[in-house]
Amino acid sequence: MQKLCLALALLSLSLSTGASAQQIAPQRQGSPEEQKACARDVQRFCRPVIDQGDFTILACLQQNRPKISSACDTVLKTHGQ
């Protein structure tokens, strides 16, 4: 469960348009509602890659786009993904 929470936090960083290399300390981006919207999809479709980093999870969600929930799809679209 900790890995899932960490993965969602990392995913939210990659989804944020404000996340950049210039930040000194990464800030958790994405509302709790946005994180909750994708939690089940990450667990369902991306469990094998959950420990491989935020960009890998994002790529996994994008590869599974036809199968992810409409709520998670909306989150991705909202963040330009």
N, C-alpha and C. Protein backbone atom coordinates (compact mmCIF):
# COMPACT_ATOMS: atom_id res chain seq x y z
N MET A 1 0.82 -1.19 0.00
CA MET A 1 0.00 0.00 0.00
C MET A 1 0.87 1.25 0.00
N GLN A 2 2.02 1.20 0.70
CA GLN A 2 2.92 2.35 0.71
C GLN A 2 3.44 2.63 -0.68
N LYS A 3 3.74 1.56 -1.43
CA LYS A 3 4.25 1.74 -2.79
C LYS A 3 3.20 2.40 -3.66
N LEU A 4 1.92 2.03 -3.47
CA LEU A 4 0.85 2.64 -4.25
C LEU A 4 0.75 4.13 -3.94
N CYS A 5 0.81 4.49 -2.67
CA CYS A 5 0.73 5.91 -2.29
C CYS A 5 1.92 6.68 -2.85
N LEU A 6 3.11 6.07 -2.77
CA LEU A 6 4.30 6.71 -3.31
C LEU A 6 4.17 6.87 -4.82
N ALA A 7 3.69 5.83 -5.48
CA ALA A 7 3.53 5.89 -6.93
C ALA A 7 2.54 6.98 -7.32
N LEU A 8 1.45 7.09 -6.58
CA LEU A 8 0.47 8.14 -6.88
C LEU A 8 1.05 9.53 -6.65
N ALA A 9 1.85 9.66 -5.61
CA ALA A 9 2.50 10.95 -5.37
C ALA A 9 3.45 11.29 -6.50
N LEU A 10 4.21 10.30 -6.94
CA LEU A 10 5.14 10.53 -8.05
C LEU A 10 4.39 10.79 -9.35
N LEU A 11 3.30 10.04 -9.54
CA LEU A 11 2.48 10.25 -10.73
C LEU A 11 1.94 11.67 -10.75
N SER A 12 1.49 12.13 -9.60
CA SER A 12 0.93 13.47 -9.56
C SER A 12 1.99 14.52 -9.86
N LEU A 13 3.24 14.25 -9.50
CA LEU A 13 4.32 15.17 -9.85
C LEU A 13 4.51 15.23 -11.35
N SER A 14 4.48 14.06 -11.99
CA SER A 14 4.69 14.04 -13.43
C SER A 14 3.52 14.65 -14.18
N LEU A 15 2.34 14.59 -13.58
CA LEU A 15 1.16 15.16 -14.23
C LEU A 15 1.10 16.68 -14.10
N SER A 16 1.77 17.18 -13.11
CA SER A 16 1.71 18.61 -12.84
C SER A 16 2.52 19.39 -13.87
N THR A 17 1.92 20.44 -14.38
CA THR A 17 2.67 21.29 -15.29
C THR A 17 3.67 22.14 -14.54
N GLY A 18 3.52 22.22 -13.22
CA GLY A 18 4.43 23.02 -12.41
C GLY A 18 5.65 22.26 -11.95
N ALA A 19 5.68 20.96 -12.14
CA ALA A 19 6.84 20.18 -11.70
C ALA A 19 7.98 20.42 -12.68
N SER A 20 9.11 20.86 -12.15
CA SER A 20 10.25 21.10 -13.01
C SER A 20 11.54 20.80 -12.27
N ALA A 21 12.61 20.70 -13.02
CA ALA A 21 13.91 20.41 -12.43
C ALA A 21 14.41 21.57 -11.58
N GLN A 22 13.80 22.73 -11.73
CA GLN A 22 14.25 23.90 -10.99
C GLN A 22 13.76 23.92 -9.56
N GLN A 23 12.80 23.07 -9.24
CA GLN A 23 12.30 23.04 -7.88
C GLN A 23 13.35 22.41 -6.96
N ILE A 24 13.53 23.00 -5.81
CA ILE A 24 14.49 22.48 -4.85
C ILE A 24 13.93 21.24 -4.17
N ALA A 25 12.74 21.34 -3.64
CA ALA A 25 12.09 20.19 -3.00
C ALA A 25 10.81 19.89 -3.77
N PRO A 26 10.64 18.65 -4.21
CA PRO A 26 9.42 18.34 -4.95
C PRO A 26 8.19 18.51 -4.06
N GLN A 27 7.17 19.09 -4.63
CA GLN A 27 5.93 19.28 -3.90
C GLN A 27 4.90 18.30 -4.45
N ARG A 28 4.09 17.81 -3.57
CA ARG A 28 3.05 16.88 -3.97
C ARG A 28 2.00 17.64 -4.76
N GLN A 29 1.77 17.22 -5.98
CA GLN A 29 0.82 17.89 -6.85
C GLN A 29 -0.41 17.00 -7.03
N GLY A 30 -1.48 17.57 -7.44
CA GLY A 30 -2.70 16.82 -7.65
C GLY A 30 -3.49 16.75 -6.36
N SER A 31 -4.75 16.99 -6.49
CA SER A 31 -5.61 16.96 -5.31
C SER A 31 -5.82 15.52 -4.85
N PRO A 32 -6.23 15.35 -3.62
CA PRO A 32 -6.54 13.99 -3.15
C PRO A 32 -7.60 13.32 -4.03
N GLU A 33 -8.53 14.10 -4.55
CA GLU A 33 -9.56 13.55 -5.43
C GLU A 33 -8.94 13.03 -6.74
N GLU A 34 -7.97 13.79 -7.28
CA GLU A 34 -7.30 13.35 -8.50
C GLU A 34 -6.50 12.08 -8.25
N GLN A 35 -5.81 12.03 -7.14
CA GLN A 35 -5.04 10.84 -6.80
C GLN A 35 -5.96 9.64 -6.62
N LYS A 36 -7.08 9.85 -5.96
CA LYS A 36 -8.04 8.77 -5.74
C LYS A 36 -8.63 8.30 -7.07
N ALA A 37 -8.83 9.21 -8.00
CA ALA A 37 -9.42 8.86 -9.29
C ALA A 37 -8.57 7.85 -10.05
N CYS A 38 -7.27 7.89 -9.88
CA CYS A 38 -6.38 6.99 -10.61
C CYS A 38 -5.84 5.83 -9.78
N ALA A 39 -6.09 5.84 -8.49
CA ALA A 39 -5.52 4.81 -7.61
C ALA A 39 -5.90 3.40 -8.05
N ARG A 40 -7.15 3.19 -8.32
CA ARG A 40 -7.61 1.85 -8.71
C ARG A 40 -7.00 1.43 -10.05
N ASP A 41 -6.90 2.37 -10.99
CA ASP A 41 -6.33 2.06 -12.30
C ASP A 41 -4.85 1.72 -12.20
N VAL A 42 -4.12 2.47 -11.37
CA VAL A 42 -2.70 2.18 -11.17
C VAL A 42 -2.56 0.78 -10.57
N GLN A 43 -3.37 0.49 -9.57
CA GLN A 43 -3.32 -0.82 -8.92
C GLN A 43 -3.71 -1.93 -9.90
N ARG A 44 -4.69 -1.68 -10.71
CA ARG A 44 -5.21 -2.71 -11.61
C ARG A 44 -4.32 -2.97 -12.83
N PHE A 45 -3.86 -1.91 -13.46
CA PHE A 45 -3.14 -2.06 -14.73
C PHE A 45 -1.63 -1.90 -14.62
N CYS A 46 -1.17 -1.22 -13.60
CA CYS A 46 0.26 -0.86 -13.54
C CYS A 46 1.00 -1.43 -12.35
N ARG A 47 0.40 -2.38 -11.68
CA ARG A 47 1.04 -2.98 -10.51
C ARG A 47 2.44 -3.52 -10.81
N PRO A 48 2.66 -4.19 -11.96
CA PRO A 48 4.00 -4.73 -12.23
C PRO A 48 5.10 -3.66 -12.34
N VAL A 49 4.71 -2.43 -12.64
CA VAL A 49 5.72 -1.37 -12.84
C VAL A 49 5.65 -0.30 -11.76
N ILE A 50 4.91 -0.56 -10.70
CA ILE A 50 4.66 0.45 -9.69
C ILE A 50 5.94 0.94 -9.02
N ASP A 51 6.97 0.13 -9.02
CA ASP A 51 8.23 0.53 -8.37
C ASP A 51 9.26 1.05 -9.37
N GLN A 52 8.84 1.31 -10.60
CA GLN A 52 9.77 1.75 -11.63
C GLN A 52 9.73 3.26 -11.90
N GLY A 53 9.03 4.00 -11.10
CA GLY A 53 9.06 5.44 -11.22
C GLY A 53 7.80 6.04 -11.83
N ASP A 54 7.67 7.33 -11.62
CA ASP A 54 6.46 8.04 -12.01
C ASP A 54 6.23 8.06 -13.51
N PHE A 55 7.28 8.22 -14.29
CA PHE A 55 7.09 8.28 -15.74
C PHE A 55 6.68 6.93 -16.30
N THR A 56 7.15 5.86 -15.69
CA THR A 56 6.77 4.52 -16.11
C THR A 56 5.29 4.29 -15.81
N ILE A 57 4.85 4.73 -14.65
CA ILE A 57 3.43 4.58 -14.29
C ILE A 57 2.57 5.43 -15.22
N LEU A 58 3.00 6.62 -15.51
CA LEU A 58 2.26 7.48 -16.43
C LEU A 58 2.17 6.81 -17.80
N ALA A 59 3.28 6.27 -18.28
CA ALA A 59 3.28 5.57 -19.57
C ALA A 59 2.34 4.38 -19.54
N CYS A 60 2.33 3.67 -18.43
CA CYS A 60 1.43 2.52 -18.28
C CYS A 60 -0.02 2.96 -18.36
N LEU A 61 -0.36 4.03 -17.67
CA LEU A 61 -1.74 4.52 -17.72
C LEU A 61 -2.09 4.95 -19.15
N GLN A 62 -1.16 5.58 -19.83
CA GLN A 62 -1.42 6.01 -21.20
C GLN A 62 -1.59 4.81 -22.13
N GLN A 63 -0.80 3.75 -21.92
CA GLN A 63 -0.92 2.55 -22.74
C GLN A 63 -2.24 1.84 -22.50
N ASN A 64 -2.76 1.97 -21.30
CA ASN A 64 -4.02 1.33 -20.94
C ASN A 64 -5.20 2.30 -21.02
N ARG A 65 -5.03 3.38 -21.69
CA ARG A 65 -6.03 4.44 -21.75
C ARG A 65 -7.43 3.95 -22.09
N PRO A 66 -7.58 3.06 -23.06
CA PRO A 66 -8.94 2.59 -23.37
C PRO A 66 -9.59 1.83 -22.21
N LYS A 67 -8.80 1.34 -21.28
CA LYS A 67 -9.33 0.53 -20.19
C LYS A 67 -9.46 1.28 -18.87
N ILE A 68 -8.79 2.45 -18.73
CA ILE A 68 -8.83 3.14 -17.45
C ILE A 68 -10.19 3.81 -17.24
N SER A 69 -10.47 4.12 -16.00
CA SER A 69 -11.75 4.75 -15.67
C SER A 69 -11.85 6.13 -16.30
N SER A 70 -13.07 6.56 -16.48
CA SER A 70 -13.27 7.90 -17.06
C SER A 70 -12.74 8.98 -16.12
N ALA A 71 -12.82 8.73 -14.81
CA ALA A 71 -12.32 9.71 -13.84
C ALA A 71 -10.81 9.88 -13.98
N CYS A 72 -10.08 8.78 -14.11
CA CYS A 72 -8.62 8.86 -14.27
C CYS A 72 -8.27 9.48 -15.63
N ASP A 73 -9.01 9.12 -16.66
CA ASP A 73 -8.79 9.69 -17.98
C ASP A 73 -8.96 11.21 -17.94
N THR A 74 -9.94 11.66 -17.20
CA THR A 74 -10.17 13.10 -17.06
C THR A 74 -9.00 13.77 -16.35
N VAL A 75 -8.46 13.12 -15.32
CA VAL A 75 -7.30 13.66 -14.61
C VAL A 75 -6.13 13.81 -15.57
N LEU A 76 -5.87 12.77 -16.36
CA LEU A 76 -4.76 12.83 -17.32
C LEU A 76 -4.97 13.96 -18.31
N LYS A 77 -6.18 14.08 -18.84
CA LYS A 77 -6.48 15.14 -19.80
C LYS A 77 -6.33 16.53 -19.17
N THR A 78 -6.76 16.66 -17.93
CA THR A 78 -6.66 17.93 -17.22
C THR A 78 -5.22 18.39 -17.11
N HIS A 79 -4.31 17.42 -17.01
CA HIS A 79 -2.88 17.74 -16.86
C HIS A 79 -2.12 17.61 -18.18
N GLY A 80 -2.83 17.64 -19.28
CA GLY A 80 -2.20 17.66 -20.59
C GLY A 80 -1.58 16.35 -21.02
N GLN A 81 -2.05 15.26 -20.50
CA GLN A 81 -1.49 13.95 -20.86
C GLN A 81 -2.41 13.19 -21.77
